[in-house]
Amino acid sequence: MAFVQWDPAVYLRRAPERSRPFVELVARIGADPGEVRAVVDLGCGPGTLTATLADRYPAATITGLDSSAAMIADAPAGDRLTFGVVDATTWRPAATDDVVVSNAMLQWIPGHADLVTEWATALHPGAWLAFQVPGNYDAPSHVAVRELKRQRHLTTDEPGPVLDPAGYAERLPGCAVDAWETTYLHHLPSDGDAHPVRTWLEGTTLRPVVAALPADEYADFAAALDDRLHTDYPVAGGHARYPFRRVFLVAATPRP
């Protein structure tokens, strides 16, 4: 598995918009907070959201795992907080893991639906698995990025298509599943000469492109992308409206 070169400062530019799906995902986990022993946050990023799990689960150890050492370099400290670097494709739950959370990470892994099934199978009876993935693969913004990459014969990692809620639910037979999707309408403020949707994408989808191109070539790529984005997401009153679909799933593994 190739790893994206993440930049926590860029990722956190839109922290309020990026944190809301995490909060709404965790709110649907039905585990008794006082009985949870261990929580794992896969793809924890800078760890700011991971730290909130310590408040929700007051008796649990909280482990944040990410593929990027840069992302967790300044993760928050805490008596029950631990952070580490891991390849999610090879990670498997421990016997004491009662809650596993993954927020906007799985879309980077080809064949991730099989991985979800493996995690659920490995979890002990009564444990909880909760994840959220962006479902914007076919949005004009993402189509534009792929087309501009093809025009430049640029091959980089990119977030792939995801399943719908029913598709993920079918991958977890025997589990009690709560699956849904939400389309958020973000009002992104104008960011100087850069289109605000492009600066959003620079925190996620465009990270491999930024890493692959010299600065002058990326500037040309960004200018061409801005032209496309101004057509699809007009800036008016200092903001652009950006619909963003996300798919959620919360599952409890079957008890004997």
Protein backbone atom coordinates (compact mmCIF):
# COMPACT_ATOMS: atom_id res chain seq x y z
CA MET A 1 0.00 0.00 0.00
CA ALA A 2 1.41 3.41 -1.02
CA PHE A 3 1.02 6.18 1.53
CA VAL A 4 -0.19 9.69 0.80
CA GLN A 5 2.12 12.50 1.91
CA TRP A 6 -0.22 14.26 4.32
CA ASP A 7 0.16 17.78 5.68
CA PRO A 8 -1.71 18.28 8.97
CA ALA A 9 -1.74 22.08 8.66
CA VAL A 10 -3.40 21.92 5.24
CA TYR A 11 -5.79 19.19 6.35
CA LEU A 12 -6.97 21.26 9.31
CA ARG A 13 -7.79 24.34 7.21
CA ARG A 14 -11.41 23.15 7.18
CA ALA A 15 -11.46 21.54 10.62
CA PRO A 16 -15.13 22.32 11.45
CA GLU A 17 -16.40 20.75 8.22
CA ARG A 18 -14.12 17.73 8.53
CA SER A 19 -14.97 17.09 12.19
CA ARG A 20 -18.76 17.02 11.85
CA PRO A 21 -18.99 13.58 10.16
CA PHE A 22 -16.75 12.09 12.86
CA VAL A 23 -18.96 13.46 15.63
CA GLU A 24 -22.12 12.20 13.95
CA LEU A 25 -20.58 8.78 13.33
CA VAL A 26 -19.42 8.27 16.92
CA ALA A 27 -22.78 9.44 18.27
CA ARG A 28 -24.45 6.37 16.73
CA ILE A 29 -22.17 3.82 18.41
CA GLY A 30 -24.31 2.01 20.98
CA ALA A 31 -21.59 0.60 23.22
CA ASP A 32 -22.00 1.36 26.93
CA PRO A 33 -19.30 4.05 27.48
CA GLY A 34 -18.49 2.79 30.96
CA GLU A 35 -17.88 -0.78 29.79
CA VAL A 36 -15.61 -0.03 26.83
CA ARG A 37 -12.02 -1.15 27.53
CA ALA A 38 -10.18 -0.18 24.34
CA VAL A 39 -10.94 2.06 21.35
CA VAL A 40 -8.95 2.22 18.13
CA ASP A 41 -9.17 5.11 15.65
CA LEU A 42 -7.76 4.01 12.28
CA GLY A 43 -6.65 6.84 10.02
CA CYS A 44 -6.64 9.19 13.00
CA GLY A 45 -4.90 12.07 11.21
CA PRO A 46 -3.59 14.74 13.60
CA GLY A 47 -5.37 13.11 16.52
CA THR A 48 -7.55 16.04 17.56
CA LEU A 49 -10.76 14.06 17.04
CA THR A 50 -9.24 10.90 18.50
CA ALA A 51 -8.67 12.75 21.76
CA THR A 52 -12.41 13.41 22.10
CA LEU A 53 -12.97 9.66 22.40
CA ALA A 54 -11.29 9.72 25.81
CA ASP A 55 -14.16 11.86 27.09
CA ARG A 56 -16.82 9.62 25.56
CA TYR A 57 -15.22 6.42 26.91
CA PRO A 58 -13.87 7.37 30.37
CA ALA A 59 -12.46 3.93 31.29
CA ALA A 60 -10.96 3.01 27.92
CA THR A 61 -7.50 3.20 26.42
CA ILE A 62 -7.63 5.17 23.17
CA THR A 63 -5.24 4.32 20.33
CA GLY A 64 -4.92 6.49 17.23
CA LEU A 65 -3.24 4.89 14.22
CA ASP A 66 -2.26 6.51 10.93
CA SER A 67 -0.06 5.70 7.96
CA SER A 68 1.62 9.11 8.19
CA ALA A 69 4.17 9.90 10.89
CA ALA A 70 3.82 13.60 10.00
CA MET A 71 0.11 13.54 10.80
CA ILE A 72 0.57 12.21 14.34
CA ALA A 73 3.81 14.05 15.12
CA ASP A 74 1.96 16.67 17.19
CA ALA A 75 -0.95 14.49 18.34
CA PRO A 76 -2.38 15.52 21.71
CA ALA A 77 -1.00 13.89 24.82
CA GLY A 78 -3.09 12.15 27.46
CA ASP A 79 -2.87 9.43 30.10
CA ARG A 80 -5.06 7.08 28.06
CA LEU A 81 -4.02 8.27 24.60
CA THR A 82 -1.51 6.43 22.40
CA PHE A 83 -0.62 7.14 18.76
CA GLY A 84 1.32 5.08 16.24
CA VAL A 85 2.07 4.52 12.57
CA VAL A 86 0.46 1.50 10.94
CA ASP A 87 -0.54 0.09 7.57
CA ALA A 88 -4.30 -0.34 7.86
CA THR A 89 -4.28 -3.17 5.32
CA THR A 90 -2.30 -5.39 7.69
CA TRP A 91 -3.79 -4.23 11.00
CA ARG A 92 -6.25 -6.49 12.80
CA PRO A 93 -8.22 -5.92 16.03
CA ALA A 94 -6.92 -7.15 19.38
CA ALA A 95 -9.05 -9.34 21.62
CA THR A 96 -9.79 -6.39 23.93
CA ASP A 97 -10.76 -3.87 21.23
CA ASP A 98 -14.40 -2.99 21.94
CA VAL A 99 -14.79 -0.09 19.48
CA VAL A 100 -13.00 0.45 16.15
CA VAL A 101 -13.53 3.75 14.35
CA SER A 102 -12.31 4.80 10.91
CA ASN A 103 -13.10 8.29 9.64
CA ALA A 104 -12.50 9.15 5.96
CA MET A 105 -9.65 6.68 5.48
CA LEU A 106 -10.93 3.53 3.79
CA GLN A 107 -11.56 5.20 0.40
CA TRP A 108 -7.77 5.28 -0.11
CA ILE A 109 -7.51 1.47 0.07
CA PRO A 110 -8.39 -0.62 -3.01
CA GLY A 111 -10.66 -3.49 -2.02
CA HIS A 112 -11.45 -1.88 1.31
CA ALA A 113 -14.87 -3.56 1.50
CA ASP A 114 -13.10 -6.90 1.99
CA LEU A 115 -11.02 -5.32 4.73
CA VAL A 116 -14.17 -4.17 6.53
CA THR A 117 -15.45 -7.75 6.51
CA GLU A 118 -12.13 -9.01 7.90
CA TRP A 119 -12.17 -6.47 10.72
CA ALA A 120 -15.73 -7.31 11.71
CA THR A 121 -14.94 -11.03 11.64
CA ALA A 122 -11.86 -10.52 13.83
CA LEU A 123 -13.66 -8.41 16.45
CA HIS A 124 -14.97 -10.20 19.52
CA PRO A 125 -18.75 -10.75 19.90
CA GLY A 126 -20.52 -7.55 20.91
CA ALA A 127 -17.76 -5.23 19.70
CA TRP A 128 -18.50 -2.22 17.49
CA LEU A 129 -17.15 -1.13 14.11
CA ALA A 130 -17.92 2.37 12.82
CA PHE A 131 -16.62 4.03 9.67
CA GLN A 132 -17.35 6.91 7.35
CA VAL A 133 -16.13 7.38 3.77
CA PRO A 134 -16.51 10.27 1.33
CA GLY A 135 -18.82 9.40 -1.55
CA ASN A 136 -17.81 12.22 -3.90
CA TYR A 137 -15.98 10.11 -6.49
CA ASP A 138 -18.34 11.22 -9.29
CA ALA A 139 -18.59 14.86 -8.18
CA PRO A 140 -17.48 17.47 -10.76
CA SER A 141 -14.50 18.38 -8.56
CA HIS A 142 -13.14 14.83 -8.49
CA VAL A 143 -13.89 14.20 -12.16
CA ALA A 144 -11.94 17.35 -13.03
CA VAL A 145 -8.92 16.20 -11.01
CA ARG A 146 -8.87 12.82 -12.76
CA GLU A 147 -9.25 14.35 -16.22
CA LEU A 148 -6.45 16.86 -15.62
CA LYS A 149 -4.20 14.06 -14.40
CA ARG A 150 -4.88 12.02 -17.54
CA GLN A 151 -4.12 15.02 -19.75
CA ARG A 152 -0.72 15.27 -18.06
CA HIS A 153 -0.14 11.50 -18.04
CA LEU A 154 0.12 11.74 -14.27
CA THR A 155 -0.45 8.57 -12.27
CA THR A 156 -0.83 8.99 -8.52
CA ASP A 157 -2.82 7.47 -5.69
CA GLU A 158 -6.36 8.75 -5.49
CA PRO A 159 -9.41 8.02 -3.35
CA GLY A 160 -11.51 5.45 -5.12
CA PRO A 161 -15.24 4.85 -5.45
CA VAL A 162 -17.10 3.57 -2.41
CA LEU A 163 -20.17 1.41 -1.89
CA ASP A 164 -23.59 2.71 -0.94
CA PRO A 165 -24.93 2.00 2.57
CA ALA A 166 -26.65 -1.21 1.47
CA GLY A 167 -23.47 -2.42 -0.20
CA TYR A 168 -21.47 -2.12 3.01
CA ALA A 169 -24.27 -3.64 5.10
CA GLU A 170 -24.19 -6.72 2.87
CA ARG A 171 -20.49 -7.17 3.68
CA LEU A 172 -21.26 -7.63 7.38
CA PRO A 173 -23.58 -10.64 7.62
CA GLY A 174 -24.81 -11.35 11.12
CA CYS A 175 -23.96 -7.89 12.42
CA ALA A 176 -26.57 -5.40 13.61
CA VAL A 177 -26.00 -2.63 11.09
CA ASP A 178 -26.99 1.02 11.01
CA ALA A 179 -25.97 2.45 7.62
CA TRP A 180 -26.87 5.76 5.99
CA GLU A 181 -25.59 8.56 3.80
CA THR A 182 -25.58 12.32 4.15
CA THR A 183 -24.83 15.08 1.66
CA TYR A 184 -23.42 18.14 3.40
CA LEU A 185 -23.64 21.49 1.67
CA HIS A 186 -20.43 23.24 2.66
CA HIS A 187 -20.22 27.00 2.26
CA LEU A 188 -16.50 27.42 1.65
CA PRO A 189 -15.12 30.96 2.01
CA SER A 190 -13.08 32.43 -0.81
CA ASP A 191 -9.35 31.93 -0.31
CA GLY A 192 -7.60 34.68 -2.27
CA ASP A 193 -6.97 33.75 -5.90
CA ALA A 194 -7.39 30.02 -5.24
CA HIS A 195 -10.84 28.52 -5.67
CA PRO A 196 -12.09 27.44 -2.21
CA VAL A 197 -12.96 23.93 -3.41
CA ARG A 198 -9.38 23.52 -4.64
CA THR A 199 -7.97 24.51 -1.25
CA TRP A 200 -10.37 21.96 0.31
CA LEU A 201 -9.08 19.27 -2.05
CA GLU A 202 -5.48 20.17 -1.24
CA GLY A 203 -6.07 18.72 2.22
CA THR A 204 -7.07 15.30 0.83
CA THR A 205 -7.61 14.36 -2.82
CA LEU A 206 -4.84 16.57 -4.22
CA ARG A 207 -2.15 15.51 -1.73
CA PRO A 208 -0.60 12.94 -4.13
CA VAL A 209 -0.63 15.50 -6.98
CA VAL A 210 1.08 18.13 -4.82
CA ALA A 211 3.73 15.57 -3.89
CA ALA A 212 4.29 14.38 -7.47
CA LEU A 213 4.69 17.70 -9.29
CA PRO A 214 7.38 20.40 -9.06
CA ALA A 215 6.00 23.68 -7.75
CA ASP A 216 5.72 25.35 -11.17
CA GLU A 217 3.94 22.38 -12.71
CA TYR A 218 1.56 22.15 -9.80
CA ALA A 219 0.78 25.86 -10.19
CA ASP A 220 -0.26 25.18 -13.81
CA PHE A 221 -2.33 22.18 -12.69
CA ALA A 222 -4.01 24.27 -9.98
CA ALA A 223 -4.83 27.09 -12.39
CA ALA A 224 -6.46 24.68 -14.83
CA LEU A 225 -8.41 23.07 -11.99
CA ASP A 226 -9.56 26.47 -10.72
CA ASP A 227 -11.00 27.23 -14.17
CA ARG A 228 -13.05 24.03 -14.03
CA LEU A 229 -14.15 24.63 -10.46
CA HIS A 230 -15.34 28.20 -11.13
CA THR A 231 -17.71 26.75 -13.72
CA ASP A 232 -19.03 23.92 -11.54
CA TYR A 233 -18.96 25.73 -8.18
CA PRO A 234 -19.39 29.49 -8.77
CA VAL A 235 -18.09 31.81 -6.08
CA ALA A 236 -20.74 34.31 -5.02
CA GLY A 237 -20.80 36.57 -1.99
CA GLY A 238 -17.34 35.38 -1.04
CA HIS A 239 -18.36 31.69 -0.81
CA ALA A 240 -18.73 28.61 -2.97
CA ARG A 241 -21.35 25.97 -2.24
CA TYR A 242 -19.82 22.51 -2.24
CA PRO A 243 -22.10 19.47 -1.89
CA PHE A 244 -20.21 16.61 -0.25
CA ARG A 245 -21.71 13.14 0.09
CA ARG A 246 -20.55 10.78 2.82
CA VAL A 247 -21.49 7.18 3.59
CA PHE A 248 -21.69 5.97 7.21
CA LEU A 249 -21.89 2.56 8.82
CA VAL A 250 -22.07 1.50 12.47
CA ALA A 251 -22.19 -2.23 13.23
CA ALA A 252 -22.31 -4.38 16.34
CA THR A 253 -20.83 -7.84 15.91
CA PRO A 254 -23.14 -10.74 16.77
CA ARG A 255 -23.21 -12.13 20.30
CA PRO A 256 -23.36 -15.91 20.83
